[in-house]
Amino acid sequence: MPLNHWRLRLQAMAWLLAGRREKAEAVFGRMLEIWPTDAYALSSRSFLRAQSGRGDAAIEDAQRLVAAHPARGAGDWFNLGFLLDAARRDAEAVAAFERALALDPKFDRAWYGMGLALQRQGRQEEALAALKRNTELQPMSPYGWYHLARVHADCQHPDEARRIIRHLRGFEPRIAEQLERETGLLAS
């Protein structure tokens, strides 16, 4: 890596430490003028843009990153999927999560994100499969269980939703109570 690249990286980090995100973003922009496909600059600028509420610009950088480095890592595809999901671009989010899972089939957050995007698309059976896989990989996280129970309730599988509510009662009783209120299904 050229010395100038390291200098710019250090300059961007210094601006970030000083709380000057706009200055750091400008440095990343300068880096991208010199090295248009630089993974560090693209991912960092995408993150800063997302944090400042500029989702479309963040998505653009994330798309440039995966186009330039499609096999660099599942995290890049997950981040793109996350941004697309936040923008409610569900079909594109599912495709990005699928690419993340092709690189890392045990990426629990990608299974979760894909499940939510599929659920919003009305693809309930596929959402069930994705959320089930998420709960297998992350059994103590209530979020996957919560959404899995909701999809089961929506699909008229009350016994399965009740089973999940009972399971949640063992480690997240507030989430179990919330599900009972929202679905009208009592786990007892």
C-alpha atoms as a PDB file:
ATOM      1  CA  MET A   1       0.000   0.000   0.000  1.00  0.00           C
ATOM      2  CA  PRO A   2       1.457   3.393  -0.947  1.00  0.00           C
ATOM      3  CA  LEU A   3       2.628   5.709   1.804  1.00  0.00           C
ATOM      4  CA  ASN A   4       0.156   8.371   0.675  1.00  0.00           C
ATOM      5  CA  HIS A   5      -2.681   5.889   1.235  1.00  0.00           C
ATOM      6  CA  TRP A   6      -1.590   5.335   4.841  1.00  0.00           C
ATOM      7  CA  ARG A   7      -1.291   9.077   5.419  1.00  0.00           C
ATOM      8  CA  LEU A   8      -4.822   9.653   4.187  1.00  0.00           C
ATOM      9  CA  ARG A   9      -6.141   6.793   6.317  1.00  0.00           C
ATOM     10  CA  LEU A  10      -4.481   8.278   9.380  1.00  0.00           C
ATOM     11  CA  GLN A  11      -5.852  11.705   8.527  1.00  0.00           C
ATOM     12  CA  ALA A  12      -9.382  10.304   8.234  1.00  0.00           C
ATOM     13  CA  MET A  13      -9.006   8.486  11.558  1.00  0.00           C
ATOM     14  CA  ALA A  14      -7.774  11.679  13.206  1.00  0.00           C
ATOM     15  CA  TRP A  15     -10.837  13.561  11.969  1.00  0.00           C
ATOM     16  CA  LEU A  16     -13.061  10.762  13.255  1.00  0.00           C
ATOM     17  CA  LEU A  17     -11.404  10.871  16.669  1.00  0.00           C
ATOM     18  CA  ALA A  18     -11.961  14.626  16.726  1.00  0.00           C
ATOM     19  CA  GLY A  19     -15.655  14.075  15.976  1.00  0.00           C
ATOM     20  CA  ARG A  20     -15.436  15.698  12.545  1.00  0.00           C
ATOM     21  CA  ARG A  21     -17.230  13.158  10.389  1.00  0.00           C
ATOM     22  CA  GLU A  22     -17.695  15.529   7.453  1.00  0.00           C
ATOM     23  CA  LYS A  23     -13.924  16.098   7.300  1.00  0.00           C
ATOM     24  CA  ALA A  24     -13.265  12.356   7.475  1.00  0.00           C
ATOM     25  CA  GLU A  25     -15.796  11.763   4.702  1.00  0.00           C
ATOM     26  CA  ALA A  26     -13.993  14.330   2.564  1.00  0.00           C
ATOM     27  CA  VAL A  27     -10.709  12.477   3.088  1.00  0.00           C
ATOM     28  CA  PHE A  28     -12.356   9.213   2.056  1.00  0.00           C
ATOM     29  CA  GLY A  29     -13.665  11.023  -1.020  1.00  0.00           C
ATOM     30  CA  ARG A  30     -10.136  12.158  -1.830  1.00  0.00           C
ATOM     31  CA  MET A  31      -8.908   8.595  -1.433  1.00  0.00           C
ATOM     32  CA  LEU A  32     -11.592   7.397  -3.851  1.00  0.00           C
ATOM     33  CA  GLU A  33     -10.527   9.983  -6.417  1.00  0.00           C
ATOM     34  CA  ILE A  34      -7.065   8.421  -6.344  1.00  0.00           C
ATOM     35  CA  TRP A  35      -8.079   4.772  -5.782  1.00  0.00           C
ATOM     36  CA  PRO A  36     -11.722   4.465  -7.009  1.00  0.00           C
ATOM     37  CA  THR A  37     -12.171   0.886  -5.800  1.00  0.00           C
ATOM     38  CA  ASP A  38     -10.422   1.162  -2.429  1.00  0.00           C
ATOM     39  CA  ALA A  39     -12.361  -1.154  -0.103  1.00  0.00           C
ATOM     40  CA  TYR A  40     -11.411   0.671   3.089  1.00  0.00           C
ATOM     41  CA  ALA A  41     -12.482   4.079   1.763  1.00  0.00           C
ATOM     42  CA  LEU A  42     -15.721   2.754   0.245  1.00  0.00           C
ATOM     43  CA  SER A  43     -16.803   0.870   3.359  1.00  0.00           C
ATOM     44  CA  SER A  44     -15.812   3.712   5.693  1.00  0.00           C
ATOM     45  CA  ARG A  45     -17.548   6.393   3.654  1.00  0.00           C
ATOM     46  CA  SER A  46     -20.633   4.195   3.301  1.00  0.00           C
ATOM     47  CA  PHE A  47     -20.757   3.829   7.082  1.00  0.00           C
ATOM     48  CA  LEU A  48     -20.369   7.584   7.650  1.00  0.00           C
ATOM     49  CA  ARG A  49     -23.059   8.369   5.112  1.00  0.00           C
ATOM     50  CA  ALA A  50     -25.440   5.883   6.726  1.00  0.00           C
ATOM     51  CA  GLN A  51     -24.743   7.357  10.162  1.00  0.00           C
ATOM     52  CA  SER A  52     -25.544  10.843   8.876  1.00  0.00           C
ATOM     53  CA  GLY A  53     -28.901   9.722   7.474  1.00  0.00           C
ATOM     54  CA  ARG A  54     -27.911   9.687   3.801  1.00  0.00           C
ATOM     55  CA  GLY A  55     -29.008   6.156   3.021  1.00  0.00           C
ATOM     56  CA  ASP A  56     -28.995   6.461  -0.771  1.00  0.00           C
ATOM     57  CA  ALA A  57     -25.391   7.682  -0.792  1.00  0.00           C
ATOM     58  CA  ALA A  58     -24.424   4.926   1.656  1.00  0.00           C
ATOM     59  CA  ILE A  59     -26.069   2.330  -0.589  1.00  0.00           C
ATOM     60  CA  GLU A  60     -24.217   3.712  -3.602  1.00  0.00           C
ATOM     61  CA  ASP A  61     -20.858   3.281  -1.869  1.00  0.00           C
ATOM     62  CA  ALA A  62     -21.786  -0.201  -0.617  1.00  0.00           C
ATOM     63  CA  GLN A  63     -22.824  -1.217  -4.139  1.00  0.00           C
ATOM     64  CA  ARG A  64     -19.526   0.095  -5.520  1.00  0.00           C
ATOM     65  CA  LEU A  65     -17.687  -1.908  -2.878  1.00  0.00           C
ATOM     66  CA  VAL A  66     -19.341  -5.250  -3.665  1.00  0.00           C
ATOM     67  CA  ALA A  67     -19.063  -4.620  -7.398  1.00  0.00           C
ATOM     68  CA  ALA A  68     -15.319  -4.036  -7.080  1.00  0.00           C
ATOM     69  CA  HIS A  69     -14.715  -6.772  -4.480  1.00  0.00           C
ATOM     70  CA  PRO A  70     -17.571  -9.316  -4.757  1.00  0.00           C
ATOM     71  CA  ALA A  71     -15.824 -12.070  -2.801  1.00  0.00           C
ATOM     72  CA  ARG A  72     -14.020  -9.917  -0.199  1.00  0.00           C
ATOM     73  CA  GLY A  73     -16.349 -10.943   2.584  1.00  0.00           C
ATOM     74  CA  ALA A  74     -19.876 -11.731   3.630  1.00  0.00           C
ATOM     75  CA  GLY A  75     -19.899  -8.613   5.806  1.00  0.00           C
ATOM     76  CA  ASP A  76     -19.801  -6.309   2.785  1.00  0.00           C
ATOM     77  CA  TRP A  77     -22.866  -7.998   1.296  1.00  0.00           C
ATOM     78  CA  PHE A  78     -24.594  -7.998   4.679  1.00  0.00           C
ATOM     79  CA  ASN A  79     -23.958  -4.265   5.092  1.00  0.00           C
ATOM     80  CA  LEU A  80     -25.416  -3.619   1.648  1.00  0.00           C
ATOM     81  CA  GLY A  81     -28.426  -5.790   2.512  1.00  0.00           C
ATOM     82  CA  PHE A  82     -28.859  -3.939   5.804  1.00  0.00           C
ATOM     83  CA  LEU A  83     -28.845  -0.561   4.039  1.00  0.00           C
ATOM     84  CA  LEU A  84     -31.253  -1.785   1.364  1.00  0.00           C
ATOM     85  CA  ASP A  85     -33.500  -3.250   4.057  1.00  0.00           C
ATOM     86  CA  ALA A  86     -33.557   0.090   5.887  1.00  0.00           C
ATOM     87  CA  ALA A  87     -34.591   1.737   2.600  1.00  0.00           C
ATOM     88  CA  ARG A  88     -37.354  -0.904   2.243  1.00  0.00           C
ATOM     89  CA  ARG A  89     -35.847  -2.111  -1.029  1.00  0.00           C
ATOM     90  CA  ASP A  90     -36.771  -5.634  -0.006  1.00  0.00           C
ATOM     91  CA  ALA A  91     -36.052  -7.608  -3.188  1.00  0.00           C
ATOM     92  CA  GLU A  92     -32.585  -6.062  -3.476  1.00  0.00           C
ATOM     93  CA  ALA A  93     -31.978  -6.636   0.248  1.00  0.00           C
ATOM     94  CA  VAL A  94     -32.862 -10.322  -0.090  1.00  0.00           C
ATOM     95  CA  ALA A  95     -30.438 -10.658  -3.011  1.00  0.00           C
ATOM     96  CA  ALA A  96     -27.640  -9.009  -0.985  1.00  0.00           C
ATOM     97  CA  PHE A  97     -28.335 -11.227   2.039  1.00  0.00           C
ATOM     98  CA  GLU A  98     -28.285 -14.274  -0.241  1.00  0.00           C
ATOM     99  CA  ARG A  99     -24.840 -13.238  -1.513  1.00  0.00           C
ATOM    100  CA  ALA A 100     -23.643 -12.826   2.083  1.00  0.00           C
ATOM    101  CA  LEU A 101     -24.931 -16.306   2.918  1.00  0.00           C
ATOM    102  CA  ALA A 102     -23.269 -17.799  -0.161  1.00  0.00           C
ATOM    103  CA  LEU A 103     -19.965 -16.582   1.308  1.00  0.00           C
ATOM    104  CA  ASP A 104     -20.819 -17.501   4.914  1.00  0.00           C
ATOM    105  CA  PRO A 105     -23.804 -19.832   5.411  1.00  0.00           C
ATOM    106  CA  LYS A 106     -23.587 -19.374   9.208  1.00  0.00           C
ATOM    107  CA  PHE A 107     -23.974 -15.590   9.133  1.00  0.00           C
ATOM    108  CA  ASP A 108     -26.897 -15.397  11.568  1.00  0.00           C
ATOM    109  CA  ARG A 109     -27.616 -11.684  11.059  1.00  0.00           C
ATOM    110  CA  ALA A 110     -27.929 -12.226   7.295  1.00  0.00           C
ATOM    111  CA  TRP A 111     -30.513 -14.969   7.911  1.00  0.00           C
ATOM    112  CA  TYR A 112     -32.379 -12.581  10.208  1.00  0.00           C
ATOM    113  CA  GLY A 113     -32.294  -9.679   7.747  1.00  0.00           C
ATOM    114  CA  MET A 114     -33.379 -11.920   4.914  1.00  0.00           C
ATOM    115  CA  GLY A 115     -36.257 -13.249   7.027  1.00  0.00           C
ATOM    116  CA  LEU A 116     -37.540  -9.743   7.725  1.00  0.00           C
ATOM    117  CA  ALA A 117     -37.288  -8.668   4.090  1.00  0.00           C
ATOM    118  CA  LEU A 118     -39.047 -11.843   2.930  1.00  0.00           C
ATOM    119  CA  GLN A 119     -41.752 -11.329   5.534  1.00  0.00           C
ATOM    120  CA  ARG A 120     -42.438  -7.805   4.256  1.00  0.00           C
ATOM    121  CA  GLN A 121     -42.677  -9.186   0.714  1.00  0.00           C
ATOM    122  CA  GLY A 122     -45.354 -11.625   1.850  1.00  0.00           C
ATOM    123  CA  ARG A 123     -43.083 -14.608   1.220  1.00  0.00           C
ATOM    124  CA  GLN A 124     -44.012 -16.137   4.551  1.00  0.00           C
ATOM    125  CA  GLU A 125     -42.816 -19.719   4.040  1.00  0.00           C
ATOM    126  CA  GLU A 126     -39.388 -18.490   2.941  1.00  0.00           C
ATOM    127  CA  ALA A 127     -39.352 -16.055   5.865  1.00  0.00           C
ATOM    128  CA  LEU A 128     -40.088 -18.940   8.229  1.00  0.00           C
ATOM    129  CA  ALA A 129     -37.131 -20.913   6.873  1.00  0.00           C
ATOM    130  CA  ALA A 130     -34.747 -17.944   7.144  1.00  0.00           C
ATOM    131  CA  LEU A 131     -35.858 -17.018  10.660  1.00  0.00           C
ATOM    132  CA  LYS A 132     -35.703 -20.645  11.779  1.00  0.00           C
ATOM    133  CA  ARG A 133     -32.108 -20.805  10.572  1.00  0.00           C
ATOM    134  CA  ASN A 134     -31.363 -17.547  12.415  1.00  0.00           C
ATOM    135  CA  THR A 135     -32.701 -18.979  15.680  1.00  0.00           C
ATOM    136  CA  GLU A 136     -30.661 -22.157  15.205  1.00  0.00           C
ATOM    137  CA  LEU A 137     -27.511 -20.063  14.851  1.00  0.00           C
ATOM    138  CA  GLN A 138     -28.430 -17.508  17.523  1.00  0.00           C
ATOM    139  CA  PRO A 139     -30.684 -19.368  20.000  1.00  0.00           C
ATOM    140  CA  MET A 140     -30.479 -16.816  22.815  1.00  0.00           C
ATOM    141  CA  SER A 141     -31.377 -13.755  20.755  1.00  0.00           C
ATOM    142  CA  PRO A 142     -35.059 -12.920  21.193  1.00  0.00           C
ATOM    143  CA  TYR A 143     -35.360 -11.006  17.923  1.00  0.00           C
ATOM    144  CA  GLY A 144     -35.362 -13.980  15.584  1.00  0.00           C
ATOM    145  CA  TRP A 145     -37.723 -15.861  17.887  1.00  0.00           C
ATOM    146  CA  TYR A 146     -40.071 -12.871  18.066  1.00  0.00           C
ATOM    147  CA  HIS A 147     -40.362 -12.566  14.299  1.00  0.00           C
ATOM    148  CA  LEU A 148     -40.546 -16.327  13.838  1.00  0.00           C
ATOM    149  CA  ALA A 149     -43.545 -16.414  16.192  1.00  0.00           C
ATOM    150  CA  ARG A 150     -45.153 -13.478  14.358  1.00  0.00           C
ATOM    151  CA  VAL A 151     -44.813 -15.186  10.982  1.00  0.00           C
ATOM    152  CA  HIS A 152     -46.231 -18.422  12.411  1.00  0.00           C
ATOM    153  CA  ALA A 153     -49.189 -16.468  13.807  1.00  0.00           C
ATOM    154  CA  ASP A 154     -49.706 -14.727  10.451  1.00  0.00           C
ATOM    155  CA  CYS A 155     -49.575 -18.090   8.659  1.00  0.00           C
ATOM    156  CA  GLN A 156     -52.254 -19.513  10.962  1.00  0.00           C
ATOM    157  CA  HIS A 157     -49.846 -21.812  12.818  1.00  0.00           C
ATOM    158  CA  PRO A 158     -51.003 -20.941  16.360  1.00  0.00           C
ATOM    159  CA  ASP A 159     -49.544 -24.043  18.015  1.00  0.00           C
ATOM    160  CA  GLU A 160     -46.073 -23.266  16.691  1.00  0.00           C
ATOM    161  CA  ALA A 161     -46.390 -19.608  17.727  1.00  0.00           C
ATOM    162  CA  ARG A 162     -47.452 -20.711  21.236  1.00  0.00           C
ATOM    163  CA  ARG A 163     -44.479 -23.091  21.444  1.00  0.00           C
ATOM    164  CA  ILE A 164     -42.135 -20.186  20.668  1.00  0.00           C
ATOM    165  CA  ILE A 165     -43.859 -17.938  23.206  1.00  0.00           C
ATOM    166  CA  ARG A 166     -43.373 -20.645  25.861  1.00  0.00           C
ATOM    167  CA  HIS A 167     -39.728 -20.927  24.839  1.00  0.00           C
ATOM    168  CA  LEU A 168     -39.245 -17.161  25.103  1.00  0.00           C
ATOM    169  CA  ARG A 169     -40.874 -17.124  28.511  1.00  0.00           C
ATOM    170  CA  GLY A 170     -37.835 -19.040  29.760  1.00  0.00           C
ATOM    171  CA  PHE A 171     -35.313 -16.308  28.932  1.00  0.00           C
ATOM    172  CA  GLU A 172     -37.176 -13.234  27.677  1.00  0.00           C
ATOM    173  CA  PRO A 173     -40.519 -13.058  29.528  1.00  0.00           C
ATOM    174  CA  ARG A 174     -41.250  -9.481  28.408  1.00  0.00           C
ATOM    175  CA  ILE A 175     -40.962 -10.469  24.748  1.00  0.00           C
ATOM    176  CA  ALA A 176     -43.220 -13.473  25.422  1.00  0.00           C
ATOM    177  CA  GLU A 177     -45.812 -11.194  27.034  1.00  0.00           C
ATOM    178  CA  GLN A 178     -45.580  -8.773  24.133  1.00  0.00           C
ATOM    179  CA  LEU A 179     -46.206 -11.598  21.667  1.00  0.00           C
ATOM    180  CA  GLU A 180     -49.216 -12.778  23.674  1.00  0.00           C
ATOM    181  CA  ARG A 181     -50.665  -9.249  23.575  1.00  0.00           C
ATOM    182  CA  GLU A 182     -49.964  -8.735  19.885  1.00  0.00           C
ATOM    183  CA  THR A 183     -51.104 -12.135  18.642  1.00  0.00           C
ATOM    184  CA  GLY A 184     -53.828 -12.867  21.191  1.00  0.00           C
ATOM    185  CA  LEU A 185     -52.245 -16.304  21.639  1.00  0.00           C
ATOM    186  CA  LEU A 186     -51.695 -17.443  25.190  1.00  0.00           C
ATOM    187  CA  ALA A 187     -48.801 -19.829  25.636  1.00  0.00           C
ATOM    188  CA  SER A 188     -50.288 -21.679  28.603  1.00  0.00           C
END
